[in-house]
Amino acid sequence: VACEDLKMKTAELIEQTEDELQESCRSTRREILNFKAHKGIGEAVDHPLRVRILRRELARIKTVMQQRGIRENG
């Protein structure tokens, strides 16, 4: 089931426009940084594996961007 979810997510990313991909990249980076900041100051973490999921999502976004020749802004 997990592989099917990843395929669906990749398919959704492929359908996104250049601006949508760049915004997804920025928001995912922000979410990773916020997660790490909250963890760093000792706050309880709701879902400990969330950062791993976010990193993989960011990698998928960046892969689609690279395949299309889209440069990262920021």
C-alpha atoms as a PDB file:
ATOM      1  CA  VAL A   1       0.000   0.000   0.000  1.00  0.00           C
ATOM      2  CA  ALA A   2       2.864   2.389   0.788  1.00  0.00           C
ATOM      3  CA  CYS A   3       4.337   2.031  -2.709  1.00  0.00           C
ATOM      4  CA  GLU A   4       0.970   2.859  -4.248  1.00  0.00           C
ATOM      5  CA  ASP A   5       0.821   6.034  -2.158  1.00  0.00           C
ATOM      6  CA  LEU A   6       4.261   7.080  -3.402  1.00  0.00           C
ATOM      7  CA  LYS A   7       3.319   6.459  -7.022  1.00  0.00           C
ATOM      8  CA  MET A   8       0.173   8.532  -6.609  1.00  0.00           C
ATOM      9  CA  LYS A   9       2.147  11.336  -5.020  1.00  0.00           C
ATOM     10  CA  THR A  10       4.683  11.327  -7.836  1.00  0.00           C
ATOM     11  CA  ALA A  11       1.873  11.357 -10.391  1.00  0.00           C
ATOM     12  CA  GLU A  12       0.367  14.368  -8.623  1.00  0.00           C
ATOM     13  CA  LEU A  13       3.744  16.136  -8.680  1.00  0.00           C
ATOM     14  CA  ILE A  14       4.147  15.523 -12.399  1.00  0.00           C
ATOM     15  CA  GLU A  15       0.814  17.261 -13.021  1.00  0.00           C
ATOM     16  CA  GLN A  16       1.838  20.387 -11.079  1.00  0.00           C
ATOM     17  CA  THR A  17       2.993  23.562 -12.782  1.00  0.00           C
ATOM     18  CA  GLU A  18       6.472  25.020 -12.326  1.00  0.00           C
ATOM     19  CA  ASP A  19       5.244  27.571  -9.767  1.00  0.00           C
ATOM     20  CA  GLU A  20       3.346  24.919  -7.821  1.00  0.00           C
ATOM     21  CA  LEU A  21       6.435  22.699  -7.683  1.00  0.00           C
ATOM     22  CA  GLN A  22       8.598  25.552  -6.417  1.00  0.00           C
ATOM     23  CA  GLU A  23       6.007  26.411  -3.745  1.00  0.00           C
ATOM     24  CA  SER A  24       5.791  22.743  -2.713  1.00  0.00           C
ATOM     25  CA  CYS A  25       9.575  22.676  -2.413  1.00  0.00           C
ATOM     26  CA  ARG A  26       9.642  25.826  -0.269  1.00  0.00           C
ATOM     27  CA  SER A  27       6.812  24.727   2.005  1.00  0.00           C
ATOM     28  CA  THR A  28       8.302  21.256   2.524  1.00  0.00           C
ATOM     29  CA  ARG A  29      11.686  22.770   3.408  1.00  0.00           C
ATOM     30  CA  ARG A  30       9.970  25.129   5.875  1.00  0.00           C
ATOM     31  CA  GLU A  31       8.088  22.244   7.465  1.00  0.00           C
ATOM     32  CA  ILE A  32      11.315  20.232   7.896  1.00  0.00           C
ATOM     33  CA  LEU A  33      13.065  23.204   9.506  1.00  0.00           C
ATOM     34  CA  ASN A  34      10.119  23.869  11.830  1.00  0.00           C
ATOM     35  CA  PHE A  35       9.990  20.221  12.819  1.00  0.00           C
ATOM     36  CA  LYS A  36      13.712  20.169  13.605  1.00  0.00           C
ATOM     37  CA  ALA A  37      13.454  23.439  15.547  1.00  0.00           C
ATOM     38  CA  HIS A  38      10.626  22.137  17.729  1.00  0.00           C
ATOM     39  CA  LYS A  39      12.493  18.902  18.322  1.00  0.00           C
ATOM     40  CA  GLY A  40      15.686  20.841  19.131  1.00  0.00           C
ATOM     41  CA  ILE A  41      14.083  22.883  21.901  1.00  0.00           C
ATOM     42  CA  GLY A  42      12.674  19.747  23.477  1.00  0.00           C
ATOM     43  CA  GLU A  43       9.011  19.962  22.532  1.00  0.00           C
ATOM     44  CA  ALA A  44       7.065  16.737  22.226  1.00  0.00           C
ATOM     45  CA  VAL A  45       6.892  15.477  18.660  1.00  0.00           C
ATOM     46  CA  ASP A  46       3.513  14.255  17.379  1.00  0.00           C
ATOM     47  CA  HIS A  47       4.831  11.931  14.708  1.00  0.00           C
ATOM     48  CA  PRO A  48       8.553  11.105  15.002  1.00  0.00           C
ATOM     49  CA  LEU A  49       8.834   9.657  11.490  1.00  0.00           C
ATOM     50  CA  ARG A  50       7.351  12.797   9.934  1.00  0.00           C
ATOM     51  CA  VAL A  51      10.770  14.283   9.123  1.00  0.00           C
ATOM     52  CA  ARG A  52      11.728  11.163   7.153  1.00  0.00           C
ATOM     53  CA  ILE A  53       8.480  11.349   5.193  1.00  0.00           C
ATOM     54  CA  LEU A  54       9.085  15.048   4.496  1.00  0.00           C
ATOM     55  CA  ARG A  55      12.664  14.461   3.312  1.00  0.00           C
ATOM     56  CA  ARG A  56      11.478  11.798   0.882  1.00  0.00           C
ATOM     57  CA  GLU A  57       8.704  14.070  -0.362  1.00  0.00           C
ATOM     58  CA  LEU A  58      11.245  16.852  -0.912  1.00  0.00           C
ATOM     59  CA  ALA A  59      13.456  14.436  -2.866  1.00  0.00           C
ATOM     60  CA  ARG A  60      10.520  13.493  -5.120  1.00  0.00           C
ATOM     61  CA  ILE A  61       9.720  17.170  -5.705  1.00  0.00           C
ATOM     62  CA  LYS A  62      13.344  17.954  -6.557  1.00  0.00           C
ATOM     63  CA  THR A  63      13.541  14.944  -8.900  1.00  0.00           C
ATOM     64  CA  VAL A  64      10.508  16.099 -10.879  1.00  0.00           C
ATOM     65  CA  MET A  65      11.947  19.629 -11.003  1.00  0.00           C
ATOM     66  CA  GLN A  66      15.291  18.315 -12.268  1.00  0.00           C
ATOM     67  CA  GLN A  67      13.617  16.180 -14.937  1.00  0.00           C
ATOM     68  CA  ARG A  68      11.809  19.258 -16.228  1.00  0.00           C
ATOM     69  CA  GLY A  69      14.895  21.469 -16.000  1.00  0.00           C
ATOM     70  CA  ILE A  70      13.348  23.744 -13.366  1.00  0.00           C
ATOM     71  CA  ARG A  71      15.817  25.574 -11.158  1.00  0.00           C
ATOM     72  CA  GLU A  72      15.192  25.974  -7.434  1.00  0.00           C
ATOM     73  CA  ASN A  73      14.524  29.508  -6.266  1.00  0.00           C
ATOM     74  CA  GLY A  74      15.655  30.179  -2.727  1.00  0.00           C
END
